[in-house]
Amino acid sequence: MSDAQQLWENHAACWSAEPGERLAALDAVAVNDVAYRDPGTEVGGLTELAAYMTGFAGAFPGHRFRIDQVFDHHDRSLARWTQLGEHGEPAMSGVSTALHRDGRLADITGFFLPA
């Protein structure tokens, strides 16, 4: 598994991490001043991103993300992902891109794909 693949796998796990462990898990994969955006939000910093993830976990209990494929080069990556429901059924799919800094995600943009 490539470093970028592992980074995205660890990032995906942050979305369904226990609330008390989420910030520490996120700190291991993203820089302190991480920028994150998707069609519904734009946040900056680990604390704001962790709070957004907590809101997601509350809105979609039991859901998790599976990383399907990662492409990377020159400190940039693109990940294809699937959001899985509480019984493992696909709920949504999308792609996310990121700039990397110091071996961690620094600027993340997510896109939701139409059903």
C-alpha atoms as a PDB file:
ATOM      1  CA  MET A   1       0.000   0.000   0.000  1.00  0.00           C
ATOM      2  CA  SER A   2       1.380   3.406  -0.934  1.00  0.00           C
ATOM      3  CA  ASP A   3       1.876   6.158   1.647  1.00  0.00           C
ATOM      4  CA  ALA A   4      -0.927   8.158   0.016  1.00  0.00           C
ATOM      5  CA  GLN A   5      -3.290   5.166   0.121  1.00  0.00           C
ATOM      6  CA  GLN A   6      -2.540   4.666   3.831  1.00  0.00           C
ATOM      7  CA  LEU A   7      -3.040   8.373   4.497  1.00  0.00           C
ATOM      8  CA  TRP A   8      -6.481   8.291   2.871  1.00  0.00           C
ATOM      9  CA  GLU A   9      -7.400   5.059   4.686  1.00  0.00           C
ATOM     10  CA  ASN A  10      -6.505   6.712   8.004  1.00  0.00           C
ATOM     11  CA  HIS A  11      -8.382   9.893   7.039  1.00  0.00           C
ATOM     12  CA  ALA A  12     -11.474   7.830   6.174  1.00  0.00           C
ATOM     13  CA  ALA A  13     -11.315   6.158   9.593  1.00  0.00           C
ATOM     14  CA  CYS A  14     -11.446   9.582  11.283  1.00  0.00           C
ATOM     15  CA  TRP A  15     -15.024  10.063  10.076  1.00  0.00           C
ATOM     16  CA  SER A  16     -16.248   7.105  12.129  1.00  0.00           C
ATOM     17  CA  ALA A  17     -13.759   7.347  15.021  1.00  0.00           C
ATOM     18  CA  GLU A  18     -14.960   7.572  18.593  1.00  0.00           C
ATOM     19  CA  PRO A  19     -15.559  11.253  19.463  1.00  0.00           C
ATOM     20  CA  GLY A  20     -12.847  11.279  22.144  1.00  0.00           C
ATOM     21  CA  GLU A  21     -10.306   9.833  19.701  1.00  0.00           C
ATOM     22  CA  ARG A  22     -11.226  11.769  16.565  1.00  0.00           C
ATOM     23  CA  LEU A  23      -9.010  14.844  17.047  1.00  0.00           C
ATOM     24  CA  ALA A  24      -5.907  12.778  17.827  1.00  0.00           C
ATOM     25  CA  ALA A  25      -6.578  10.483  14.855  1.00  0.00           C
ATOM     26  CA  LEU A  26      -7.061  13.496  12.603  1.00  0.00           C
ATOM     27  CA  ASP A  27      -3.852  15.105  13.877  1.00  0.00           C
ATOM     28  CA  ALA A  28      -1.957  12.056  12.615  1.00  0.00           C
ATOM     29  CA  VAL A  29      -3.202  12.521   9.030  1.00  0.00           C
ATOM     30  CA  ALA A  30      -3.715  16.274   8.577  1.00  0.00           C
ATOM     31  CA  VAL A  31      -1.691  19.412   9.282  1.00  0.00           C
ATOM     32  CA  ASN A  32      -2.899  21.790  12.026  1.00  0.00           C
ATOM     33  CA  ASP A  33      -4.102  24.402   9.550  1.00  0.00           C
ATOM     34  CA  VAL A  34      -5.792  21.894   7.232  1.00  0.00           C
ATOM     35  CA  ALA A  35      -8.370  23.356   4.860  1.00  0.00           C
ATOM     36  CA  TYR A  36     -11.389  21.180   4.081  1.00  0.00           C
ATOM     37  CA  ARG A  37     -14.285  21.791   1.756  1.00  0.00           C
ATOM     38  CA  ASP A  38     -17.111  19.796   0.226  1.00  0.00           C
ATOM     39  CA  PRO A  39     -20.375  20.968  -1.383  1.00  0.00           C
ATOM     40  CA  GLY A  40     -21.904  21.594   2.048  1.00  0.00           C
ATOM     41  CA  THR A  41     -19.119  23.240   4.014  1.00  0.00           C
ATOM     42  CA  GLU A  42     -15.738  24.881   4.183  1.00  0.00           C
ATOM     43  CA  VAL A  43     -13.757  24.633   7.422  1.00  0.00           C
ATOM     44  CA  GLY A  44     -10.213  25.368   8.513  1.00  0.00           C
ATOM     45  CA  GLY A  45      -8.047  23.741  11.151  1.00  0.00           C
ATOM     46  CA  LEU A  46      -8.112  20.399  12.907  1.00  0.00           C
ATOM     47  CA  THR A  47     -10.653  21.423  15.542  1.00  0.00           C
ATOM     48  CA  GLU A  48     -13.206  22.678  13.019  1.00  0.00           C
ATOM     49  CA  LEU A  49     -12.733  19.626  10.806  1.00  0.00           C
ATOM     50  CA  ALA A  50     -13.110  17.294  13.807  1.00  0.00           C
ATOM     51  CA  ALA A  51     -16.330  19.120  14.764  1.00  0.00           C
ATOM     52  CA  TYR A  52     -17.654  18.760  11.208  1.00  0.00           C
ATOM     53  CA  MET A  53     -16.844  15.041  11.290  1.00  0.00           C
ATOM     54  CA  THR A  54     -18.667  14.735  14.630  1.00  0.00           C
ATOM     55  CA  GLY A  55     -21.741  16.339  13.078  1.00  0.00           C
ATOM     56  CA  PHE A  56     -21.520  13.934  10.138  1.00  0.00           C
ATOM     57  CA  ALA A  57     -21.279  10.936  12.482  1.00  0.00           C
ATOM     58  CA  GLY A  58     -24.366  12.171  14.336  1.00  0.00           C
ATOM     59  CA  ALA A  59     -26.336  12.642  11.122  1.00  0.00           C
ATOM     60  CA  PHE A  60     -25.264   9.275   9.669  1.00  0.00           C
ATOM     61  CA  PRO A  61     -24.855   6.872  12.615  1.00  0.00           C
ATOM     62  CA  GLY A  62     -23.018   3.685  11.743  1.00  0.00           C
ATOM     63  CA  HIS A  63     -21.784   5.001   8.402  1.00  0.00           C
ATOM     64  CA  ARG A  64     -18.153   4.791   7.349  1.00  0.00           C
ATOM     65  CA  PHE A  65     -16.009   5.503   4.309  1.00  0.00           C
ATOM     66  CA  ARG A  66     -14.205   2.966   2.153  1.00  0.00           C
ATOM     67  CA  ILE A  67     -11.301   4.170   0.023  1.00  0.00           C
ATOM     68  CA  ASP A  68     -11.665   2.500  -3.363  1.00  0.00           C
ATOM     69  CA  GLN A  69      -8.681   3.880  -5.260  1.00  0.00           C
ATOM     70  CA  VAL A  70      -5.926   6.462  -4.787  1.00  0.00           C
ATOM     71  CA  PHE A  71      -3.804   8.246  -7.382  1.00  0.00           C
ATOM     72  CA  ASP A  72      -0.894  10.371  -6.242  1.00  0.00           C
ATOM     73  CA  HIS A  73       2.082  12.359  -7.479  1.00  0.00           C
ATOM     74  CA  HIS A  74       4.047  15.479  -6.514  1.00  0.00           C
ATOM     75  CA  ASP A  75       2.492  15.887  -3.043  1.00  0.00           C
ATOM     76  CA  ARG A  76      -1.038  15.693  -4.436  1.00  0.00           C
ATOM     77  CA  SER A  77      -3.552  12.900  -4.414  1.00  0.00           C
ATOM     78  CA  LEU A  78      -7.028  11.951  -5.539  1.00  0.00           C
ATOM     79  CA  ALA A  79      -9.078   9.328  -3.713  1.00  0.00           C
ATOM     80  CA  ARG A  80     -12.200   7.585  -4.976  1.00  0.00           C
ATOM     81  CA  TRP A  81     -14.403   6.639  -2.022  1.00  0.00           C
ATOM     82  CA  THR A  82     -17.726   5.083  -1.098  1.00  0.00           C
ATOM     83  CA  GLN A  83     -19.801   6.008   1.932  1.00  0.00           C
ATOM     84  CA  LEU A  84     -21.186   2.796   3.404  1.00  0.00           C
ATOM     85  CA  GLY A  85     -24.346   2.601   5.488  1.00  0.00           C
ATOM     86  CA  GLU A  86     -24.601   0.901   8.840  1.00  0.00           C
ATOM     87  CA  HIS A  87     -25.128  -2.497   7.160  1.00  0.00           C
ATOM     88  CA  GLY A  88     -22.285  -2.023   4.658  1.00  0.00           C
ATOM     89  CA  GLU A  89     -24.509  -0.967   1.787  1.00  0.00           C
ATOM     90  CA  PRO A  90     -23.258   1.821  -0.531  1.00  0.00           C
ATOM     91  CA  ALA A  91     -24.948   5.101   0.369  1.00  0.00           C
ATOM     92  CA  MET A  92     -22.945   7.596  -1.721  1.00  0.00           C
ATOM     93  CA  SER A  93     -19.752   7.806  -3.703  1.00  0.00           C
ATOM     94  CA  GLY A  94     -17.359  10.576  -4.489  1.00  0.00           C
ATOM     95  CA  VAL A  95     -13.821  11.737  -5.030  1.00  0.00           C
ATOM     96  CA  SER A  96     -11.588  13.864  -2.868  1.00  0.00           C
ATOM     97  CA  THR A  97      -8.390  15.636  -3.762  1.00  0.00           C
ATOM     98  CA  ALA A  98      -5.658  16.838  -1.447  1.00  0.00           C
ATOM     99  CA  LEU A  99      -2.413  18.697  -1.352  1.00  0.00           C
ATOM    100  CA  HIS A 100       0.080  17.098   1.018  1.00  0.00           C
ATOM    101  CA  ARG A 101       2.520  18.856   3.334  1.00  0.00           C
ATOM    102  CA  ASP A 102       4.978  17.175   5.680  1.00  0.00           C
ATOM    103  CA  GLY A 103       3.511  13.771   4.836  1.00  0.00           C
ATOM    104  CA  ARG A 104      -0.021  14.766   5.852  1.00  0.00           C
ATOM    105  CA  LEU A 105      -3.114  16.157   4.162  1.00  0.00           C
ATOM    106  CA  ALA A 106      -3.078  19.958   3.993  1.00  0.00           C
ATOM    107  CA  ASP A 107      -5.869  21.048   1.641  1.00  0.00           C
ATOM    108  CA  ILE A 108      -8.770  18.654   1.009  1.00  0.00           C
ATOM    109  CA  THR A 109     -11.673  19.084  -1.404  1.00  0.00           C
ATOM    110  CA  GLY A 110     -14.459  16.514  -1.624  1.00  0.00           C
ATOM    111  CA  PHE A 111     -16.907  16.015  -4.493  1.00  0.00           C
ATOM    112  CA  PHE A 112     -20.089  13.931  -4.296  1.00  0.00           C
ATOM    113  CA  LEU A 113     -20.897  11.927  -7.411  1.00  0.00           C
ATOM    114  CA  PRO A 114     -24.473  11.685  -8.689  1.00  0.00           C
ATOM    115  CA  ALA A 115     -26.300   8.453  -7.904  1.00  0.00           C
END
